Amino acid sequence: MADMYFTKEHEWIAVTGGEATVGITAYAQEHLGDLVYVEAPEVGKVLAQGKEAAVVESVKAASDVYSPVSGQVTAVNKAVVDQPGLVNESPEDKGWLYKLTLSDTGEVKALLDRAAYDAFCATL
């Protein structure tokens, strides 16, 4: 089973060994509203931790998605590109955005676990 981590920018990452799956949190999609567009990174793109990786657009606003860790994109969820509403329906499961190979597994230590993320969201 993957270890889940979160960022204060409301991205989640599920890490299994040196591989990870990334998406936006339930909190993020609730505040964005109905998503109408997802721009995912290209397979092969190298992402840096904390830098823009994708864009999600709702009826309310467009929002950048930042990479929780550095690594190379290995897969994109074409289903959410075709049907952005999947992110609203299942943000932390079927609504994932992309997968990557981590370039530095130590970067996950800077991320929040579920309890810390939930506590952070409670202060917003």
N, C-alpha and C. Protein backbone atom coordinates (compact mmCIF):
# COMPACT_ATOMS: atom_id res chain seq x y z
N MET A 1 0.84 -1.19 0.00
CA MET A 1 0.00 0.00 0.00
C MET A 1 0.88 1.25 0.00
N ALA A 2 0.43 2.26 -0.67
CA ALA A 2 1.19 3.50 -0.81
C ALA A 2 1.11 4.35 0.46
N ASP A 3 2.16 5.10 0.71
CA ASP A 3 2.16 6.09 1.80
C ASP A 3 1.63 7.39 1.22
N MET A 4 0.64 8.00 1.89
CA MET A 4 0.04 9.26 1.42
C MET A 4 0.66 10.45 2.15
N TYR A 5 0.97 11.48 1.36
CA TYR A 5 1.48 12.74 1.90
C TYR A 5 0.73 13.88 1.24
N PHE A 6 0.82 15.07 1.85
CA PHE A 6 0.07 16.22 1.39
C PHE A 6 0.93 17.47 1.46
N THR A 7 0.54 18.48 0.64
CA THR A 7 1.22 19.78 0.69
C THR A 7 0.24 20.83 1.19
N LYS A 8 0.77 21.95 1.63
CA LYS A 8 -0.08 23.06 2.06
C LYS A 8 -0.74 23.75 0.86
N GLU A 9 -0.34 23.39 -0.35
CA GLU A 9 -0.99 23.90 -1.57
C GLU A 9 -2.10 22.95 -2.02
N HIS A 10 -2.38 21.91 -1.22
CA HIS A 10 -3.50 20.98 -1.42
C HIS A 10 -3.28 19.96 -2.54
N GLU A 11 -2.03 19.53 -2.70
CA GLU A 11 -1.75 18.37 -3.55
C GLU A 11 -1.56 17.17 -2.64
N TRP A 12 -1.88 15.98 -3.17
CA TRP A 12 -1.57 14.75 -2.45
C TRP A 12 -0.60 13.94 -3.30
N ILE A 13 0.13 13.07 -2.64
CA ILE A 13 1.06 12.18 -3.33
C ILE A 13 1.03 10.84 -2.62
N ALA A 14 0.88 9.79 -3.40
CA ALA A 14 0.91 8.42 -2.88
C ALA A 14 2.22 7.80 -3.35
N VAL A 15 3.08 7.44 -2.41
CA VAL A 15 4.42 6.97 -2.73
C VAL A 15 4.54 5.47 -2.44
N THR A 16 5.02 4.73 -3.43
CA THR A 16 5.35 3.32 -3.26
C THR A 16 6.75 3.13 -3.79
N GLY A 17 7.70 2.94 -2.88
CA GLY A 17 9.09 2.83 -3.30
C GLY A 17 9.54 4.13 -3.95
N GLY A 18 10.05 4.04 -5.18
CA GLY A 18 10.51 5.23 -5.89
C GLY A 18 9.51 5.78 -6.88
N GLU A 19 8.26 5.27 -6.81
CA GLU A 19 7.21 5.71 -7.72
C GLU A 19 6.13 6.47 -6.94
N ALA A 20 5.47 7.40 -7.60
CA ALA A 20 4.44 8.18 -6.91
C ALA A 20 3.31 8.56 -7.86
N THR A 21 2.13 8.73 -7.28
CA THR A 21 0.96 9.21 -7.99
C THR A 21 0.57 10.53 -7.34
N VAL A 22 0.20 11.54 -8.15
CA VAL A 22 -0.08 12.88 -7.65
C VAL A 22 -1.47 13.35 -8.09
N GLY A 23 -2.13 14.08 -7.21
CA GLY A 23 -3.42 14.68 -7.53
C GLY A 23 -3.70 15.85 -6.61
N ILE A 24 -4.91 16.40 -6.71
CA ILE A 24 -5.30 17.46 -5.79
C ILE A 24 -6.23 16.86 -4.73
N THR A 25 -6.24 17.47 -3.58
CA THR A 25 -6.99 16.93 -2.45
C THR A 25 -8.49 17.21 -2.57
N ALA A 26 -9.25 16.50 -1.76
CA ALA A 26 -10.70 16.73 -1.68
C ALA A 26 -10.97 18.18 -1.28
N TYR A 27 -10.17 18.71 -0.36
CA TYR A 27 -10.33 20.10 0.07
C TYR A 27 -10.19 21.04 -1.13
N ALA A 28 -9.17 20.81 -1.95
CA ALA A 28 -8.92 21.68 -3.11
C ALA A 28 -10.08 21.63 -4.10
N GLN A 29 -10.52 20.43 -4.44
CA GLN A 29 -11.59 20.34 -5.44
C GLN A 29 -12.90 20.91 -4.92
N GLU A 30 -13.16 20.78 -3.60
CA GLU A 30 -14.37 21.37 -3.02
C GLU A 30 -14.37 22.89 -3.17
N HIS A 31 -13.19 23.49 -2.95
CA HIS A 31 -13.10 24.95 -3.01
C HIS A 31 -13.02 25.48 -4.44
N LEU A 32 -12.53 24.65 -5.36
CA LEU A 32 -12.49 25.07 -6.75
C LEU A 32 -13.87 24.97 -7.41
N GLY A 33 -14.64 23.98 -7.00
CA GLY A 33 -15.93 23.75 -7.64
C GLY A 33 -15.77 22.80 -8.81
N ASP A 34 -16.77 22.76 -9.68
CA ASP A 34 -16.77 21.81 -10.79
C ASP A 34 -15.63 22.08 -11.76
N LEU A 35 -14.76 21.09 -11.92
CA LEU A 35 -13.65 21.25 -12.84
C LEU A 35 -14.13 21.07 -14.27
N VAL A 36 -13.61 21.94 -15.15
CA VAL A 36 -13.99 21.91 -16.56
C VAL A 36 -12.78 21.65 -17.47
N TYR A 37 -11.57 21.70 -16.91
CA TYR A 37 -10.37 21.55 -17.72
C TYR A 37 -9.22 21.08 -16.85
N VAL A 38 -8.44 20.12 -17.35
CA VAL A 38 -7.22 19.66 -16.70
C VAL A 38 -6.11 19.66 -17.73
N GLU A 39 -5.02 20.32 -17.41
CA GLU A 39 -3.82 20.28 -18.25
C GLU A 39 -2.76 19.54 -17.46
N ALA A 40 -2.44 18.33 -17.89
CA ALA A 40 -1.46 17.50 -17.20
C ALA A 40 -0.09 17.69 -17.82
N PRO A 41 0.97 17.37 -17.08
CA PRO A 41 2.31 17.47 -17.66
C PRO A 41 2.52 16.37 -18.70
N GLU A 42 3.46 16.56 -19.59
CA GLU A 42 3.76 15.55 -20.61
C GLU A 42 4.60 14.43 -20.01
N VAL A 43 4.34 13.21 -20.47
CA VAL A 43 5.17 12.07 -20.07
C VAL A 43 6.61 12.37 -20.47
N GLY A 44 7.53 12.12 -19.55
CA GLY A 44 8.94 12.39 -19.80
C GLY A 44 9.42 13.70 -19.22
N LYS A 45 8.48 14.61 -18.90
CA LYS A 45 8.86 15.91 -18.35
C LYS A 45 9.47 15.73 -16.97
N VAL A 46 10.53 16.47 -16.70
CA VAL A 46 11.17 16.45 -15.38
C VAL A 46 10.61 17.62 -14.57
N LEU A 47 10.06 17.29 -13.40
CA LEU A 47 9.44 18.29 -12.53
C LEU A 47 10.31 18.54 -11.30
N ALA A 48 10.29 19.78 -10.83
CA ALA A 48 11.02 20.13 -9.62
C ALA A 48 10.04 20.32 -8.47
N GLN A 49 10.43 19.91 -7.28
CA GLN A 49 9.57 20.04 -6.11
C GLN A 49 9.14 21.50 -5.93
N GLY A 50 7.83 21.68 -5.75
CA GLY A 50 7.29 23.01 -5.50
C GLY A 50 7.06 23.85 -6.74
N LYS A 51 7.40 23.33 -7.90
CA LYS A 51 7.22 24.08 -9.16
C LYS A 51 5.96 23.61 -9.87
N GLU A 52 5.44 24.46 -10.77
CA GLU A 52 4.21 24.15 -11.49
C GLU A 52 4.34 22.85 -12.28
N ALA A 53 3.32 21.99 -12.13
CA ALA A 53 3.32 20.72 -12.84
C ALA A 53 2.11 20.56 -13.75
N ALA A 54 0.98 21.13 -13.33
CA ALA A 54 -0.27 20.96 -14.07
C ALA A 54 -1.16 22.16 -13.79
N VAL A 55 -2.29 22.20 -14.50
CA VAL A 55 -3.28 23.26 -14.29
C VAL A 55 -4.66 22.61 -14.23
N VAL A 56 -5.46 23.04 -13.25
CA VAL A 56 -6.86 22.63 -13.21
C VAL A 56 -7.70 23.90 -13.27
N GLU A 57 -8.78 23.82 -14.03
CA GLU A 57 -9.64 24.98 -14.20
C GLU A 57 -11.07 24.59 -13.85
N SER A 58 -11.69 25.44 -13.05
CA SER A 58 -13.08 25.19 -12.67
C SER A 58 -13.94 26.32 -13.21
N VAL A 59 -15.23 26.23 -12.93
CA VAL A 59 -16.12 27.31 -13.33
C VAL A 59 -15.78 28.59 -12.57
N LYS A 60 -15.08 28.46 -11.43
CA LYS A 60 -14.72 29.61 -10.61
C LYS A 60 -13.36 30.20 -10.96
N ALA A 61 -12.35 29.33 -11.18
CA ALA A 61 -10.98 29.83 -11.32
C ALA A 61 -10.06 28.78 -11.92
N ALA A 62 -8.92 29.23 -12.41
CA ALA A 62 -7.85 28.32 -12.82
C ALA A 62 -6.84 28.27 -11.69
N SER A 63 -6.25 27.12 -11.49
CA SER A 63 -5.32 26.95 -10.39
C SER A 63 -4.14 26.09 -10.83
N ASP A 64 -2.93 26.53 -10.48
CA ASP A 64 -1.75 25.73 -10.76
C ASP A 64 -1.68 24.58 -9.77
N VAL A 65 -1.16 23.46 -10.24
CA VAL A 65 -0.88 22.31 -9.39
C VAL A 65 0.64 22.20 -9.33
N TYR A 66 1.18 22.17 -8.12
CA TYR A 66 2.62 22.13 -7.93
C TYR A 66 3.07 20.71 -7.61
N SER A 67 4.23 20.34 -8.09
CA SER A 67 4.73 18.99 -7.84
C SER A 67 5.20 18.88 -6.39
N PRO A 68 4.65 17.91 -5.64
CA PRO A 68 5.06 17.73 -4.24
C PRO A 68 6.52 17.28 -4.11
N VAL A 69 7.05 16.64 -5.14
CA VAL A 69 8.43 16.14 -5.15
C VAL A 69 9.01 16.32 -6.55
N SER A 70 10.33 16.18 -6.64
CA SER A 70 11.00 16.23 -7.93
C SER A 70 10.99 14.84 -8.57
N GLY A 71 10.90 14.81 -9.89
CA GLY A 71 10.95 13.53 -10.57
C GLY A 71 10.53 13.65 -12.02
N GLN A 72 10.53 12.51 -12.70
CA GLN A 72 10.17 12.46 -14.12
C GLN A 72 8.79 11.83 -14.28
N VAL A 73 7.94 12.50 -15.05
CA VAL A 73 6.58 12.03 -15.29
C VAL A 73 6.62 10.74 -16.10
N THR A 74 5.92 9.71 -15.59
CA THR A 74 5.89 8.42 -16.26
C THR A 74 4.52 8.10 -16.85
N ALA A 75 3.47 8.78 -16.36
CA ALA A 75 2.12 8.53 -16.87
C ALA A 75 1.24 9.74 -16.57
N VAL A 76 0.22 9.91 -17.40
CA VAL A 76 -0.78 10.96 -17.22
C VAL A 76 -2.14 10.29 -17.22
N ASN A 77 -3.03 10.75 -16.37
CA ASN A 77 -4.38 10.19 -16.31
C ASN A 77 -5.21 10.83 -17.42
N LYS A 78 -5.25 10.16 -18.57
CA LYS A 78 -5.98 10.69 -19.73
C LYS A 78 -7.48 10.79 -19.44
N ALA A 79 -7.98 9.97 -18.52
CA ALA A 79 -9.41 10.01 -18.18
C ALA A 79 -9.79 11.38 -17.62
N VAL A 80 -8.94 11.99 -16.77
CA VAL A 80 -9.29 13.30 -16.20
C VAL A 80 -9.09 14.43 -17.21
N VAL A 81 -8.20 14.22 -18.18
CA VAL A 81 -8.04 15.22 -19.23
C VAL A 81 -9.32 15.24 -20.08
N ASP A 82 -9.85 14.04 -20.37
CA ASP A 82 -11.09 13.93 -21.15
C ASP A 82 -12.34 14.27 -20.33
N GLN A 83 -12.32 13.93 -19.04
CA GLN A 83 -13.47 14.15 -18.16
C GLN A 83 -12.99 14.77 -16.85
N PRO A 84 -12.74 16.08 -16.82
CA PRO A 84 -12.21 16.73 -15.61
C PRO A 84 -13.06 16.50 -14.37
N GLY A 85 -14.36 16.26 -14.53
CA GLY A 85 -15.24 16.02 -13.39
C GLY A 85 -14.85 14.81 -12.56
N LEU A 86 -14.03 13.90 -13.11
CA LEU A 86 -13.55 12.75 -12.33
C LEU A 86 -12.77 13.21 -11.11
N VAL A 87 -12.09 14.35 -11.23
CA VAL A 87 -11.35 14.88 -10.09
C VAL A 87 -12.32 15.26 -8.97
N ASN A 88 -13.47 15.84 -9.33
CA ASN A 88 -14.48 16.18 -8.32
C ASN A 88 -15.08 14.93 -7.69
N GLU A 89 -15.32 13.91 -8.51
CA GLU A 89 -15.97 12.69 -8.03
C GLU A 89 -15.05 11.84 -7.15
N SER A 90 -13.77 11.80 -7.47
CA SER A 90 -12.84 10.90 -6.79
C SER A 90 -11.44 11.52 -6.74
N PRO A 91 -11.28 12.64 -6.01
CA PRO A 91 -10.03 13.40 -6.07
C PRO A 91 -8.80 12.63 -5.60
N GLU A 92 -8.96 11.75 -4.61
CA GLU A 92 -7.80 11.07 -4.06
C GLU A 92 -7.73 9.60 -4.50
N ASP A 93 -8.40 9.29 -5.63
CA ASP A 93 -8.35 7.93 -6.15
C ASP A 93 -8.36 7.98 -7.68
N LYS A 94 -9.51 7.84 -8.31
CA LYS A 94 -9.61 7.81 -9.78
C LYS A 94 -9.26 9.15 -10.41
N GLY A 95 -9.30 10.24 -9.64
CA GLY A 95 -9.02 11.57 -10.16
C GLY A 95 -7.57 11.99 -10.10
N TRP A 96 -6.65 11.03 -9.99
CA TRP A 96 -5.22 11.38 -9.98
C TRP A 96 -4.84 12.08 -11.28
N LEU A 97 -3.76 12.88 -11.22
CA LEU A 97 -3.36 13.67 -12.39
C LEU A 97 -2.20 13.05 -13.16
N TYR A 98 -1.14 12.68 -12.42
CA TYR A 98 0.04 12.10 -13.09
C TYR A 98 0.82 11.22 -12.14
N LYS A 99 1.70 10.42 -12.73
CA LYS A 99 2.60 9.56 -11.96
C LYS A 99 4.03 9.96 -12.31
N LEU A 100 4.92 9.74 -11.36
CA LEU A 100 6.32 10.05 -11.63
C LEU A 100 7.25 9.12 -10.88
N THR A 101 8.50 9.11 -11.35
CA THR A 101 9.58 8.43 -10.66
C THR A 101 10.30 9.50 -9.85
N LEU A 102 10.43 9.27 -8.56
CA LEU A 102 11.05 10.26 -7.68
C LEU A 102 12.55 10.35 -7.96
N SER A 103 13.06 11.58 -8.01
CA SER A 103 14.50 11.74 -8.18
C SER A 103 15.21 11.83 -6.83
N ASP A 104 14.46 12.14 -5.75
CA ASP A 104 15.03 12.20 -4.41
C ASP A 104 13.95 11.78 -3.42
N THR A 105 13.99 10.54 -2.98
CA THR A 105 12.96 10.02 -2.07
C THR A 105 12.94 10.77 -0.73
N GLY A 106 14.03 11.43 -0.39
CA GLY A 106 14.09 12.19 0.86
C GLY A 106 13.18 13.41 0.87
N GLU A 107 12.76 13.88 -0.31
CA GLU A 107 11.89 15.07 -0.37
C GLU A 107 10.54 14.84 0.31
N VAL A 108 10.08 13.60 0.40
CA VAL A 108 8.78 13.36 1.03
C VAL A 108 8.79 13.71 2.51
N LYS A 109 9.97 13.77 3.13
CA LYS A 109 10.06 14.11 4.56
C LYS A 109 9.56 15.52 4.85
N ALA A 110 9.55 16.39 3.83
CA ALA A 110 9.10 17.77 4.01
C ALA A 110 7.59 17.89 3.88
N LEU A 111 6.90 16.79 3.51
CA LEU A 111 5.46 16.84 3.28
C LEU A 111 4.68 16.49 4.54
N LEU A 112 3.39 16.75 4.52
CA LEU A 112 2.52 16.50 5.67
C LEU A 112 1.89 15.11 5.58
N ASP A 113 1.70 14.47 6.74
CA ASP A 113 0.91 13.24 6.74
C ASP A 113 -0.56 13.65 6.85
N ARG A 114 -1.47 12.68 6.78
CA ARG A 114 -2.90 12.99 6.76
C ARG A 114 -3.33 13.79 7.99
N ALA A 115 -2.88 13.41 9.18
CA ALA A 115 -3.29 14.11 10.40
C ALA A 115 -2.81 15.56 10.39
N ALA A 116 -1.57 15.78 9.96
CA ALA A 116 -1.03 17.15 9.92
C ALA A 116 -1.76 17.97 8.85
N TYR A 117 -2.08 17.35 7.72
CA TYR A 117 -2.81 18.06 6.66
C TYR A 117 -4.21 18.42 7.14
N ASP A 118 -4.91 17.48 7.76
CA ASP A 118 -6.25 17.76 8.27
C ASP A 118 -6.23 18.88 9.30
N ALA A 119 -5.21 18.89 10.16
CA ALA A 119 -5.07 19.95 11.17
C ALA A 119 -4.82 21.29 10.48
N PHE A 120 -3.99 21.28 9.43
CA PHE A 120 -3.72 22.51 8.66
C PHE A 120 -5.01 23.03 8.04
N CYS A 121 -5.78 22.16 7.41
CA CYS A 121 -7.03 22.58 6.76
C CYS A 121 -8.03 23.14 7.77
N ALA A 122 -8.01 22.62 8.98
CA ALA A 122 -8.93 23.10 10.02
C ALA A 122 -8.64 24.55 10.40
N THR A 123 -7.43 25.04 10.11
CA THR A 123 -7.08 26.42 10.45
C THR A 123 -7.44 27.40 9.34
N LEU A 124 -7.87 26.88 8.18
CA LEU A 124 -8.16 27.76 7.03
C LEU A 124 -9.56 28.33 7.06
